[in-house]
Amino acid sequence: MKIKGNSIKFEDFKVKFNQASKDFSKIFETQKLTNKTLAQSIVELCDKYGFKAESIAHYLFKNGKYTITTKIVDSETGLEIQVTNSTDIDIREASIQNLILLFDEKLPDYYVGMR
C-alpha cells in the first residue's frame, strides 16, 4: 500500500477511512438484502465519505498479464492510498478486489511522507 498526501491532514483522513472500513465490512452482510452489486455498494460508500475510487490498468505483453493500480482519493484532505497488483483475470473484477484490499488495510499510526 502506498500513501500520498499532506502528513498534517493524515489524522483526519485516518479517522474517516477507519470508519469507512467498518462500514465496508457491513456491505457483505447487507449486500444480498439490498439487491445491489458489490461495485454499486462500494460506489455508495465512497460517495458517503467523499472518496473517489479509480483503477488504471496496463497490459504487459511480455507475460500476458494486467497490472492494475487502484486508488482511493479523499476529496477533503487530498490524501490518497493505492495498491498495485498483477492479474490475468477480468480487469473489472480485479479492480473490485483491489478496492476490497484497500478497505481492509490498517493505516499506520503516523504518516510522515510517501511510502
PDB file of N, CA and C in Angstrom:
ATOM      1  N   MET A   1       0.849  -1.177   0.000  1.00  0.00           N
ATOM      2  CA  MET A   1       0.000   0.000   0.000  1.00  0.00           C
ATOM      3  C   MET A   1       0.890   1.234   0.000  1.00  0.00           C
ATOM      4  N   LYS A   2       0.543   2.199  -0.827  1.00  0.00           N
ATOM      5  CA  LYS A   2       1.239   3.485  -0.852  1.00  0.00           C
ATOM      6  C   LYS A   2       0.285   4.554  -0.347  1.00  0.00           C
ATOM      7  N   ILE A   3       0.843   5.511   0.369  1.00  0.00           N
ATOM      8  CA  ILE A   3       0.075   6.651   0.859  1.00  0.00           C
ATOM      9  C   ILE A   3       0.739   7.911   0.332  1.00  0.00           C
ATOM     10  N   LYS A   4      -0.063   8.813  -0.231  1.00  0.00           N
ATOM     11  CA  LYS A   4       0.458  10.096  -0.714  1.00  0.00           C
ATOM     12  C   LYS A   4      -0.393  11.207  -0.128  1.00  0.00           C
ATOM     13  N   GLY A   5       0.241  12.327   0.164  1.00  0.00           N
ATOM     14  CA  GLY A   5      -0.518  13.483   0.620  1.00  0.00           C
ATOM     15  C   GLY A   5       0.192  14.264   1.698  1.00  0.00           C
ATOM     16  N   ASN A   6      -0.552  15.154   2.320  1.00  0.00           N
ATOM     17  CA  ASN A   6      -0.055  16.048   3.349  1.00  0.00           C
ATOM     18  C   ASN A   6      -0.143  15.357   4.708  1.00  0.00           C
ATOM     19  N   SER A   7       1.003  15.174   5.362  1.00  0.00           N
ATOM     20  CA  SER A   7       1.026  14.465   6.641  1.00  0.00           C
ATOM     21  C   SER A   7       0.218  15.181   7.722  1.00  0.00           C
ATOM     22  N   ILE A   8       0.039  16.489   7.589  1.00  0.00           N
ATOM     23  CA  ILE A   8      -0.730  17.251   8.579  1.00  0.00           C
ATOM     24  C   ILE A   8      -2.190  16.803   8.589  1.00  0.00           C
ATOM     25  N   LYS A   9      -2.713  16.426   7.428  1.00  0.00           N
ATOM     26  CA  LYS A   9      -4.117  16.033   7.319  1.00  0.00           C
ATOM     27  C   LYS A   9      -4.330  14.529   7.485  1.00  0.00           C
ATOM     28  N   PHE A  10      -3.253  13.794   7.756  1.00  0.00           N
ATOM     29  CA  PHE A  10      -3.362  12.339   7.822  1.00  0.00           C
ATOM     30  C   PHE A  10      -4.315  11.869   8.912  1.00  0.00           C
ATOM     31  N   GLU A  11      -4.262  12.482  10.074  1.00  0.00           N
ATOM     32  CA  GLU A  11      -5.121  12.040  11.186  1.00  0.00           C
ATOM     33  C   GLU A  11      -6.598  12.171  10.822  1.00  0.00           C
ATOM     34  N   ASP A  12      -6.973  13.283  10.179  1.00  0.00           N
ATOM     35  CA  ASP A  12      -8.364  13.452   9.739  1.00  0.00           C
ATOM     36  C   ASP A  12      -8.750  12.358   8.745  1.00  0.00           C
ATOM     37  N   PHE A  13      -7.851  12.097   7.812  1.00  0.00           N
ATOM     38  CA  PHE A  13      -8.100  11.050   6.824  1.00  0.00           C
ATOM     39  C   PHE A  13      -8.223   9.687   7.498  1.00  0.00           C
ATOM     40  N   LYS A  14      -7.337   9.424   8.438  1.00  0.00           N
ATOM     41  CA  LYS A  14      -7.310   8.119   9.109  1.00  0.00           C
ATOM     42  C   LYS A  14      -8.625   7.845   9.831  1.00  0.00           C
ATOM     43  N   VAL A  15      -9.144   8.840  10.536  1.00  0.00           N
ATOM     44  CA  VAL A  15     -10.411   8.678  11.257  1.00  0.00           C
ATOM     45  C   VAL A  15     -11.532   8.356  10.270  1.00  0.00           C
ATOM     46  N   LYS A  16     -11.588   9.112   9.193  1.00  0.00           N
ATOM     47  CA  LYS A  16     -12.638   8.914   8.193  1.00  0.00           C
ATOM     48  C   LYS A  16     -12.481   7.561   7.495  1.00  0.00           C
ATOM     49  N   PHE A  17     -11.257   7.210   7.143  1.00  0.00           N
ATOM     50  CA  PHE A  17     -11.011   5.950   6.457  1.00  0.00           C
ATOM     51  C   PHE A  17     -11.337   4.754   7.352  1.00  0.00           C
ATOM     52  N   ASN A  18     -10.951   4.832   8.616  1.00  0.00           N
ATOM     53  CA  ASN A  18     -11.245   3.728   9.535  1.00  0.00           C
ATOM     54  C   ASN A  18     -12.746   3.529   9.699  1.00  0.00           C
ATOM     55  N   GLN A  19     -13.512   4.613   9.736  1.00  0.00           N
ATOM     56  CA  GLN A  19     -14.970   4.492   9.827  1.00  0.00           C
ATOM     57  C   GLN A  19     -15.530   3.889   8.540  1.00  0.00           C
ATOM     58  N   ALA A  20     -14.996   4.315   7.408  1.00  0.00           N
ATOM     59  CA  ALA A  20     -15.436   3.751   6.124  1.00  0.00           C
ATOM     60  C   ALA A  20     -15.113   2.258   6.054  1.00  0.00           C
ATOM     61  N   SER A  21     -13.973   1.864   6.601  1.00  0.00           N
ATOM     62  CA  SER A  21     -13.602   0.446   6.619  1.00  0.00           C
ATOM     63  C   SER A  21     -14.582  -0.374   7.446  1.00  0.00           C
ATOM     64  N   LYS A  22     -15.010   0.185   8.571  1.00  0.00           N
ATOM     65  CA  LYS A  22     -16.014  -0.508   9.398  1.00  0.00           C
ATOM     66  C   LYS A  22     -17.319  -0.648   8.629  1.00  0.00           C
ATOM     67  N   ASP A  23     -17.732   0.433   7.971  1.00  0.00           N
ATOM     68  CA  ASP A  23     -18.955   0.382   7.159  1.00  0.00           C
ATOM     69  C   ASP A  23     -18.802  -0.609   6.008  1.00  0.00           C
ATOM     70  N   PHE A  24     -17.599  -0.683   5.465  1.00  0.00           N
ATOM     71  CA  PHE A  24     -17.344  -1.588   4.350  1.00  0.00           C
ATOM     72  C   PHE A  24     -17.571  -3.043   4.753  1.00  0.00           C
ATOM     73  N   SER A  25     -17.173  -3.382   5.971  1.00  0.00           N
ATOM     74  CA  SER A  25     -17.363  -4.765   6.417  1.00  0.00           C
ATOM     75  C   SER A  25     -18.842  -5.125   6.500  1.00  0.00           C
ATOM     76  N   LYS A  26     -19.694  -4.131   6.703  1.00  0.00           N
ATOM     77  CA  LYS A  26     -21.138  -4.376   6.767  1.00  0.00           C
ATOM     78  C   LYS A  26     -21.738  -4.602   5.382  1.00  0.00           C
ATOM     79  N   ILE A  27     -21.041  -4.151   4.342  1.00  0.00           N
ATOM     80  CA  ILE A  27     -21.550  -4.305   2.976  1.00  0.00           C
ATOM     81  C   ILE A  27     -21.804  -5.773   2.662  1.00  0.00           C
ATOM     82  N   PHE A  28     -20.884  -6.630   3.060  1.00  0.00           N
ATOM     83  CA  PHE A  28     -21.035  -8.049   2.758  1.00  0.00           C
ATOM     84  C   PHE A  28     -22.254  -8.642   3.450  1.00  0.00           C
ATOM     85  N   GLU A  29     -22.581  -8.136   4.635  1.00  0.00           N
ATOM     86  CA  GLU A  29     -23.741  -8.633   5.369  1.00  0.00           C
ATOM     87  C   GLU A  29     -25.045  -8.194   4.719  1.00  0.00           C
ATOM     88  N   THR A  30     -25.087  -6.970   4.202  1.00  0.00           N
ATOM     89  CA  THR A  30     -26.344  -6.411   3.697  1.00  0.00           C
ATOM     90  C   THR A  30     -26.482  -6.447   2.181  1.00  0.00           C
ATOM     91  N   GLN A  31     -25.426  -6.805   1.485  1.00  0.00           N
ATOM     92  CA  GLN A  31     -25.438  -6.754   0.022  1.00  0.00           C
ATOM     93  C   GLN A  31     -26.574  -7.578  -0.569  1.00  0.00           C
ATOM     94  N   LYS A  32     -26.776  -8.780  -0.097  1.00  0.00           N
ATOM     95  CA  LYS A  32     -27.833  -9.628  -0.645  1.00  0.00           C
ATOM     96  C   LYS A  32     -29.211  -9.081  -0.309  1.00  0.00           C
ATOM     97  N   LEU A  33     -29.324  -8.441   0.838  1.00  0.00           N
ATOM     98  CA  LEU A  33     -30.613  -7.890   1.248  1.00  0.00           C
ATOM     99  C   LEU A  33     -31.008  -6.680   0.407  1.00  0.00           C
ATOM    100  N   THR A  34     -30.022  -5.885  -0.006  1.00  0.00           N
ATOM    101  CA  THR A  34     -30.319  -4.660  -0.757  1.00  0.00           C
ATOM    102  C   THR A  34     -30.409  -4.889  -2.259  1.00  0.00           C
ATOM    103  N   ASN A  35     -30.068  -6.090  -2.696  1.00  0.00           N
ATOM    104  CA  ASN A  35     -30.165  -6.431  -4.119  1.00  0.00           C
ATOM    105  C   ASN A  35     -29.253  -5.557  -4.985  1.00  0.00           C
ATOM    106  N   LYS A  36     -28.080  -5.201  -4.469  1.00  0.00           N
ATOM    107  CA  LYS A  36     -27.112  -4.387  -5.206  1.00  0.00           C
ATOM    108  C   LYS A  36     -25.864  -5.215  -5.475  1.00  0.00           C
ATOM    109  N   THR A  37     -25.122  -4.811  -6.498  1.00  0.00           N
ATOM    110  CA  THR A  37     -23.841  -5.462  -6.745  1.00  0.00           C
ATOM    111  C   THR A  37     -22.814  -4.905  -5.763  1.00  0.00           C
ATOM    112  N   LEU A  38     -21.730  -5.619  -5.612  1.00  0.00           N
ATOM    113  CA  LEU A  38     -20.658  -5.154  -4.738  1.00  0.00           C
ATOM    114  C   LEU A  38     -20.108  -3.822  -5.240  1.00  0.00           C
ATOM    115  N   ALA A  39     -19.967  -3.681  -6.547  1.00  0.00           N
ATOM    116  CA  ALA A  39     -19.458  -2.428  -7.122  1.00  0.00           C
ATOM    117  C   ALA A  39     -20.376  -1.258  -6.786  1.00  0.00           C
ATOM    118  N   GLN A  40     -21.692  -1.447  -6.884  1.00  0.00           N
ATOM    119  CA  GLN A  40     -22.642  -0.378  -6.542  1.00  0.00           C
ATOM    120  C   GLN A  40     -22.514   0.008  -5.072  1.00  0.00           C
ATOM    121  N   SER A  41     -22.372  -0.982  -4.215  1.00  0.00           N
ATOM    122  CA  SER A  41     -22.246  -0.714  -2.780  1.00  0.00           C
ATOM    123  C   SER A  41     -20.967   0.046  -2.468  1.00  0.00           C
ATOM    124  N   ILE A  42     -19.880  -0.309  -3.153  1.00  0.00           N
ATOM    125  CA  ILE A  42     -18.606   0.384  -2.939  1.00  0.00           C
ATOM    126  C   ILE A  42     -18.700   1.833  -3.402  1.00  0.00           C
ATOM    127  N   VAL A  43     -19.337   2.070  -4.541  1.00  0.00           N
ATOM    128  CA  VAL A  43     -19.509   3.441  -5.048  1.00  0.00           C
ATOM    129  C   VAL A  43     -20.297   4.274  -4.041  1.00  0.00           C
ATOM    130  N   GLU A  44     -21.365   3.720  -3.493  1.00  0.00           N
ATOM    131  CA  GLU A  44     -22.164   4.443  -2.497  1.00  0.00           C
ATOM    132  C   GLU A  44     -21.342   4.751  -1.247  1.00  0.00           C
ATOM    133  N   LEU A  45     -20.534   3.797  -0.809  1.00  0.00           N
ATOM    134  CA  LEU A  45     -19.683   4.016   0.364  1.00  0.00           C
ATOM    135  C   LEU A  45     -18.679   5.135   0.095  1.00  0.00           C
ATOM    136  N   CYS A  46     -18.047   5.106  -1.069  1.00  0.00           N
ATOM    137  CA  CYS A  46     -17.080   6.155  -1.419  1.00  0.00           C
ATOM    138  C   CYS A  46     -17.762   7.521  -1.485  1.00  0.00           C
ATOM    139  N   ASP A  47     -18.949   7.570  -2.070  1.00  0.00           N
ATOM    140  CA  ASP A  47     -19.700   8.830  -2.138  1.00  0.00           C
ATOM    141  C   ASP A  47     -20.022   9.349  -0.740  1.00  0.00           C
ATOM    142  N   LYS A  48     -20.416   8.451   0.146  1.00  0.00           N
ATOM    143  CA  LYS A  48     -20.776   8.830   1.518  1.00  0.00           C
ATOM    144  C   LYS A  48     -19.608   9.512   2.235  1.00  0.00           C
ATOM    145  N   TYR A  49     -18.391   9.021   2.004  1.00  0.00           N
ATOM    146  CA  TYR A  49     -17.221   9.545   2.710  1.00  0.00           C
ATOM    147  C   TYR A  49     -16.392  10.535   1.888  1.00  0.00           C
ATOM    148  N   GLY A  50     -16.837  10.851   0.691  1.00  0.00           N
ATOM    149  CA  GLY A  50     -16.106  11.812  -0.133  1.00  0.00           C
ATOM    150  C   GLY A  50     -14.847  11.243  -0.748  1.00  0.00           C
ATOM    151  N   PHE A  51     -14.839   9.934  -0.975  1.00  0.00           N
ATOM    152  CA  PHE A  51     -13.702   9.286  -1.611  1.00  0.00           C
ATOM    153  C   PHE A  51     -13.974   9.111  -3.096  1.00  0.00           C
ATOM    154  N   LYS A  52     -12.915   9.193  -3.874  1.00  0.00           N
ATOM    155  CA  LYS A  52     -13.001   8.882  -5.298  1.00  0.00           C
ATOM    156  C   LYS A  52     -12.160   7.620  -5.504  1.00  0.00           C
ATOM    157  N   ALA A  53     -12.794   6.579  -6.022  1.00  0.00           N
ATOM    158  CA  ALA A  53     -12.090   5.323  -6.272  1.00  0.00           C
ATOM    159  C   ALA A  53     -11.877   5.165  -7.770  1.00  0.00           C
ATOM    160  N   GLU A  54     -10.666   4.786  -8.144  1.00  0.00           N
ATOM    161  CA  GLU A  54     -10.393   4.560  -9.564  1.00  0.00           C
ATOM    162  C   GLU A  54      -9.297   3.518  -9.723  1.00  0.00           C
ATOM    163  N   SER A  55      -9.337   2.852 -10.860  1.00  0.00           N
ATOM    164  CA  SER A  55      -8.311   1.868 -11.206  1.00  0.00           C
ATOM    165  C   SER A  55      -7.755   2.188 -12.583  1.00  0.00           C
ATOM    166  N   ILE A  56      -6.465   1.962 -12.722  1.00  0.00           N
ATOM    167  CA  ILE A  56      -5.788   2.132 -14.004  1.00  0.00           C
ATOM    168  C   ILE A  56      -5.137   0.795 -14.334  1.00  0.00           C
ATOM    169  N   ALA A  57      -5.370   0.301 -15.548  1.00  0.00           N
ATOM    170  CA  ALA A  57      -4.820  -0.995 -15.955  1.00  0.00           C
ATOM    171  C   ALA A  57      -3.800  -0.816 -17.068  1.00  0.00           C
ATOM    172  N   HIS A  58      -2.740  -1.584 -16.976  1.00  0.00           N
ATOM    173  CA  HIS A  58      -1.715  -1.643 -18.018  1.00  0.00           C
ATOM    174  C   HIS A  58      -1.559  -3.105 -18.408  1.00  0.00           C
ATOM    175  N   TYR A  59      -1.538  -3.355 -19.706  1.00  0.00           N
ATOM    176  CA  TYR A  59      -1.356  -4.723 -20.180  1.00  0.00           C
ATOM    177  C   TYR A  59       0.116  -4.961 -20.465  1.00  0.00           C
ATOM    178  N   LEU A  60       0.667  -6.016 -19.886  1.00  0.00           N
ATOM    179  CA  LEU A  60       2.067  -6.358 -20.087  1.00  0.00           C
ATOM    180  C   LEU A  60       2.151  -7.475 -21.125  1.00  0.00           C
ATOM    181  N   PHE A  61       2.584  -7.133 -22.322  1.00  0.00           N
ATOM    182  CA  PHE A  61       2.639  -8.103 -23.409  1.00  0.00           C
ATOM    183  C   PHE A  61       3.589  -9.258 -23.109  1.00  0.00           C
ATOM    184  N   LYS A  62       4.651  -8.967 -22.381  1.00  0.00           N
ATOM    185  CA  LYS A  62       5.673  -9.978 -22.121  1.00  0.00           C
ATOM    186  C   LYS A  62       5.115 -11.198 -21.389  1.00  0.00           C
ATOM    187  N   ASN A  63       4.269 -10.952 -20.394  1.00  0.00           N
ATOM    188  CA  ASN A  63       3.734 -12.086 -19.632  1.00  0.00           C
ATOM    189  C   ASN A  63       2.224 -12.268 -19.800  1.00  0.00           C
ATOM    190  N   GLY A  64       1.599 -11.417 -20.603  1.00  0.00           N
ATOM    191  CA  GLY A  64       0.166 -11.556 -20.858  1.00  0.00           C
ATOM    192  C   GLY A  64      -0.715 -11.231 -19.665  1.00  0.00           C
ATOM    193  N   LYS A  65      -0.212 -10.394 -18.756  1.00  0.00           N
ATOM    194  CA  LYS A  65      -0.983 -10.039 -17.564  1.00  0.00           C
ATOM    195  C   LYS A  65      -1.247  -8.541 -17.526  1.00  0.00           C
ATOM    196  N   TYR A  66      -2.194  -8.180 -16.704  1.00  0.00           N
ATOM    197  CA  TYR A  66      -2.516  -6.780 -16.461  1.00  0.00           C
ATOM    198  C   TYR A  66      -1.916  -6.357 -15.129  1.00  0.00           C
ATOM    199  N   THR A  67      -1.401  -5.146 -15.078  1.00  0.00           N
ATOM    200  CA  THR A  67      -1.031  -4.531 -13.814  1.00  0.00           C
ATOM    201  C   THR A  67      -2.117  -3.513 -13.520  1.00  0.00           C
ATOM    202  N   ILE A  68      -2.754  -3.665 -12.380  1.00  0.00           N
ATOM    203  CA  ILE A  68      -3.868  -2.791 -12.027  1.00  0.00           C
ATOM    204  C   ILE A  68      -3.504  -2.009 -10.773  1.00  0.00           C
ATOM    205  N   THR A  69      -3.556  -0.687 -10.889  1.00  0.00           N
ATOM    206  CA  THR A  69      -3.341   0.197  -9.750  1.00  0.00           C
ATOM    207  C   THR A  69      -4.694   0.777  -9.373  1.00  0.00           C
ATOM    208  N   THR A  70      -5.102   0.518  -8.140  1.00  0.00           N
ATOM    209  CA  THR A  70      -6.379   1.016  -7.639  1.00  0.00           C
ATOM    210  C   THR A  70      -6.086   1.988  -6.514  1.00  0.00           C
ATOM    211  N   LYS A  71      -6.759   3.140  -6.564  1.00  0.00           N
ATOM    212  CA  LYS A  71      -6.514   4.127  -5.515  1.00  0.00           C
ATOM    213  C   LYS A  71      -7.817   4.734  -5.027  1.00  0.00           C
ATOM    214  N   ILE A  72      -7.754   5.207  -3.798  1.00  0.00           N
ATOM    215  CA  ILE A  72      -8.848   5.947  -3.178  1.00  0.00           C
ATOM    216  C   ILE A  72      -8.287   7.311  -2.820  1.00  0.00           C
ATOM    217  N   VAL A  73      -8.938   8.365  -3.308  1.00  0.00           N
ATOM    218  CA  VAL A  73      -8.515   9.739  -3.032  1.00  0.00           C
ATOM    219  C   VAL A  73      -9.601  10.402  -2.201  1.00  0.00           C
ATOM    220  N   ASP A  74      -9.197  11.031  -1.104  1.00  0.00           N
ATOM    221  CA  ASP A  74     -10.137  11.747  -0.243  1.00  0.00           C
ATOM    222  C   ASP A  74     -10.264  13.181  -0.748  1.00  0.00           C
ATOM    223  N   SER A  75     -11.462  13.563  -1.132  1.00  0.00           N
ATOM    224  CA  SER A  75     -11.673  14.903  -1.694  1.00  0.00           C
ATOM    225  C   SER A  75     -11.451  16.004  -0.658  1.00  0.00           C
ATOM    226  N   GLU A  76     -11.627  15.692   0.609  1.00  0.00           N
ATOM    227  CA  GLU A  76     -11.482  16.700   1.665  1.00  0.00           C
ATOM    228  C   GLU A  76     -10.021  16.950   2.032  1.00  0.00           C
ATOM    229  N   THR A  77      -9.251  15.895   2.260  1.00  0.00           N
ATOM    230  CA  THR A  77      -7.864  16.047   2.711  1.00  0.00           C
ATOM    231  C   THR A  77      -6.853  15.953   1.579  1.00  0.00           C
ATOM    232  N   GLY A  78      -7.263  15.391   0.447  1.00  0.00           N
ATOM    233  CA  GLY A  78      -6.349  15.205  -0.672  1.00  0.00           C
ATOM    234  C   GLY A  78      -5.442  13.994  -0.521  1.00  0.00           C
ATOM    235  N   LEU A  79      -5.547  13.272   0.597  1.00  0.00           N
ATOM    236  CA  LEU A  79      -4.720  12.086   0.772  1.00  0.00           C
ATOM    237  C   LEU A  79      -5.182  10.971  -0.145  1.00  0.00           C
ATOM    238  N   GLU A  80      -4.239  10.135  -0.517  1.00  0.00           N
ATOM    239  CA  GLU A  80      -4.504   9.059  -1.468  1.00  0.00           C
ATOM    240  C   GLU A  80      -3.816   7.789  -0.982  1.00  0.00           C
ATOM    241  N   ILE A  81      -4.537   6.682  -1.040  1.00  0.00           N
ATOM    242  CA  ILE A  81      -3.911   5.388  -0.787  1.00  0.00           C
ATOM    243  C   ILE A  81      -4.095   4.550  -2.044  1.00  0.00           C
ATOM    244  N   GLN A  82      -3.106   3.714  -2.314  1.00  0.00           N
ATOM    245  CA  GLN A  82      -3.213   2.902  -3.520  1.00  0.00           C
ATOM    246  C   GLN A  82      -2.543   1.554  -3.325  1.00  0.00           C
ATOM    247  N   VAL A  83      -2.991   0.606  -4.122  1.00  0.00           N
ATOM    248  CA  VAL A  83      -2.420  -0.737  -4.139  1.00  0.00           C
ATOM    249  C   VAL A  83      -2.295  -1.152  -5.602  1.00  0.00           C
ATOM    250  N   THR A  84      -1.231  -1.901  -5.914  1.00  0.00           N
ATOM    251  CA  THR A  84      -0.993  -2.367  -7.277  1.00  0.00           C
ATOM    252  C   THR A  84      -0.810  -3.876  -7.263  1.00  0.00           C
ATOM    253  N   ASN A  85      -1.478  -4.541  -8.205  1.00  0.00           N
ATOM    254  CA  ASN A  85      -1.368  -5.992  -8.346  1.00  0.00           C
ATOM    255  C   ASN A  85      -1.320  -6.362  -9.814  1.00  0.00           C
ATOM    256  N   SER A  86      -0.775  -7.531 -10.091  1.00  0.00           N
ATOM    257  CA  SER A  86      -0.801  -8.088 -11.446  1.00  0.00           C
ATOM    258  C   SER A  86      -1.830  -9.202 -11.486  1.00  0.00           C
ATOM    259  N   THR A  87      -2.523  -9.308 -12.612  1.00  0.00           N
ATOM    260  CA  THR A  87      -3.569 -10.318 -12.730  1.00  0.00           C
ATOM    261  C   THR A  87      -3.769 -10.713 -14.184  1.00  0.00           C
ATOM    262  N   ASP A  88      -4.302 -11.883 -14.376  1.00  0.00           N
ATOM    263  CA  ASP A  88      -4.697 -12.290 -15.721  1.00  0.00           C
ATOM    264  C   ASP A  88      -6.203 -12.528 -15.777  1.00  0.00           C
ATOM    265  N   ILE A  89      -6.907 -12.078 -14.722  1.00  0.00           N
ATOM    266  CA  ILE A  89      -8.361 -12.221 -14.687  1.00  0.00           C
ATOM    267  C   ILE A  89      -9.029 -10.956 -15.208  1.00  0.00           C
ATOM    268  N   ASP A  90     -10.323 -10.966 -15.228  1.00  0.00           N
ATOM    269  CA  ASP A  90     -11.124  -9.827 -15.677  1.00  0.00           C
ATOM    270  C   ASP A  90     -10.697  -8.548 -14.952  1.00  0.00           C
ATOM    271  N   ILE A  91     -10.459  -7.492 -15.713  1.00  0.00           N
ATOM    272  CA  ILE A  91      -9.963  -6.234 -15.141  1.00  0.00           C
ATOM    273  C   ILE A  91     -10.951  -5.634 -14.151  1.00  0.00           C
ATOM    274  N   ARG A  92     -12.228  -5.643 -14.484  1.00  0.00           N
ATOM    275  CA  ARG A  92     -13.238  -5.065 -13.596  1.00  0.00           C
ATOM    276  C   ARG A  92     -13.247  -5.807 -12.259  1.00  0.00           C
ATOM    277  N   GLU A  93     -13.223  -7.119 -12.328  1.00  0.00           N
ATOM    278  CA  GLU A  93     -13.220  -7.928 -11.108  1.00  0.00           C
ATOM    279  C   GLU A  93     -11.954  -7.669 -10.288  1.00  0.00           C
ATOM    280  N   ALA A  94     -10.814  -7.548 -10.958  1.00  0.00           N
ATOM    281  CA  ALA A  94      -9.559  -7.273 -10.262  1.00  0.00           C
ATOM    282  C   ALA A  94      -9.585  -5.901  -9.597  1.00  0.00           C
ATOM    283  N   SER A  95     -10.212  -4.915 -10.233  1.00  0.00           N
ATOM    284  CA  SER A  95     -10.324  -3.579  -9.636  1.00  0.00           C
ATOM    285  C   SER A  95     -11.158  -3.625  -8.364  1.00  0.00           C
ATOM    286  N   ILE A  96     -12.244  -4.366  -8.405  1.00  0.00           N
ATOM    287  CA  ILE A  96     -13.085  -4.510  -7.209  1.00  0.00           C
ATOM    288  C   ILE A  96     -12.305  -5.220  -6.110  1.00  0.00           C
ATOM    289  N   GLN A  97     -11.553  -6.253  -6.466  1.00  0.00           N
ATOM    290  CA  GLN A  97     -10.742  -6.963  -5.472  1.00  0.00           C
ATOM    291  C   GLN A  97      -9.699  -6.028  -4.851  1.00  0.00           C
ATOM    292  N   ASN A  98      -9.109  -5.137  -5.666  1.00  0.00           N
ATOM    293  CA  ASN A  98      -8.146  -4.174  -5.130  1.00  0.00           C
ATOM    294  C   ASN A  98      -8.808  -3.219  -4.142  1.00  0.00           C
ATOM    295  N   LEU A  99     -10.040  -2.768  -4.448  1.00  0.00           N
ATOM    296  CA  LEU A  99     -10.750  -1.895  -3.508  1.00  0.00           C
ATOM    297  C   LEU A  99     -11.029  -2.625  -2.204  1.00  0.00           C
ATOM    298  N   ILE A 100     -11.375  -3.891  -2.300  1.00  0.00           N
ATOM    299  CA  ILE A 100     -11.587  -4.686  -1.088  1.00  0.00           C
ATOM    300  C   ILE A 100     -10.299  -4.722  -0.275  1.00  0.00           C
ATOM    301  N   LEU A 101      -9.164  -4.923  -0.940  1.00  0.00           N
ATOM    302  CA  LEU A 101      -7.876  -4.927  -0.243  1.00  0.00           C
ATOM    303  C   LEU A 101      -7.598  -3.586   0.426  1.00  0.00           C
ATOM    304  N   LEU A 102      -7.890  -2.487  -0.269  1.00  0.00           N
ATOM    305  CA  LEU A 102      -7.634  -1.164   0.311  1.00  0.00           C
ATOM    306  C   LEU A 102      -8.474  -0.927   1.555  1.00  0.00           C
ATOM    307  N   PHE A 103      -9.773  -1.234   1.473  1.00  0.00           N
ATOM    308  CA  PHE A 103     -10.628  -1.002   2.634  1.00  0.00           C
ATOM    309  C   PHE A 103     -10.314  -1.956   3.778  1.00  0.00           C
ATOM    310  N   ASP A 104      -9.585  -3.017   3.487  1.00  0.00           N
ATOM    311  CA  ASP A 104      -9.211  -3.974   4.519  1.00  0.00           C
ATOM    312  C   ASP A 104      -7.860  -3.627   5.149  1.00  0.00           C
ATOM    313  N   GLU A 105      -7.172  -2.629   4.600  1.00  0.00           N
ATOM    314  CA  GLU A 105      -5.852  -2.224   5.098  1.00  0.00           C
ATOM    315  C   GLU A 105      -5.959  -1.527   6.449  1.00  0.00           C
ATOM    316  N   LYS A 106      -4.948  -1.726   7.259  1.00  0.00           N
ATOM    317  CA  LYS A 106      -4.835  -0.966   8.500  1.00  0.00           C
ATOM    318  C   LYS A 106      -3.828   0.140   8.239  1.00  0.00           C
ATOM    319  N   LEU A 107      -4.261   1.369   8.431  1.00  0.00           N
ATOM    320  CA  LEU A 107      -3.371   2.509   8.208  1.00  0.00           C
ATOM    321  C   LEU A 107      -2.358   2.607   9.340  1.00  0.00           C
ATOM    322  N   PRO A 108      -1.175   3.140   9.054  1.00  0.00           N
ATOM    323  CA  PRO A 108      -0.178   3.319  10.114  1.00  0.00           C
ATOM    324  C   PRO A 108      -0.638   4.377  11.115  1.00  0.00           C
ATOM    325  N   ASP A 109      -0.057   4.336  12.302  1.00  0.00           N
ATOM    326  CA  ASP A 109      -0.425   5.316  13.328  1.00  0.00           C
ATOM    327  C   ASP A 109      -0.044   6.732  12.922  1.00  0.00           C
ATOM    328  N   TYR A 110       1.087   6.869  12.251  1.00  0.00           N
ATOM    329  CA  TYR A 110       1.568   8.183  11.848  1.00  0.00           C
ATOM    330  C   TYR A 110       1.985   8.144  10.393  1.00  0.00           C
ATOM    331  N   TYR A 111       1.890   9.282   9.739  1.00  0.00           N
ATOM    332  CA  TYR A 111       2.300   9.395   8.341  1.00  0.00           C
ATOM    333  C   TYR A 111       3.264  10.559   8.228  1.00  0.00           C
ATOM    334  N   VAL A 112       4.457  10.284   7.719  1.00  0.00           N
ATOM    335  CA  VAL A 112       5.463  11.335   7.622  1.00  0.00           C
ATOM    336  C   VAL A 112       5.900  11.603   6.189  1.00  0.00           C
ATOM    337  N   GLY A 113       5.304  10.960   5.237  1.00  0.00           N
ATOM    338  CA  GLY A 113       5.652  11.152   3.838  1.00  0.00           C
ATOM    339  C   GLY A 113       5.248   9.940   3.028  1.00  0.00           C
ATOM    340  N   MET A 114       5.508  10.012   1.747  1.00  0.00           N
ATOM    341  CA  MET A 114       5.098   8.929   0.858  1.00  0.00           C
ATOM    342  C   MET A 114       5.816   7.635   1.200  1.00  0.00           C
ATOM    343  N   ARG A 115       5.066   6.547   1.213  1.00  0.00           N
ATOM    344  CA  ARG A 115       5.648   5.227   1.499  1.00  0.00           C
ATOM    345  C   ARG A 115       5.731   4.437   0.233  1.00  0.00           C
TER     346      ARG A 115
END
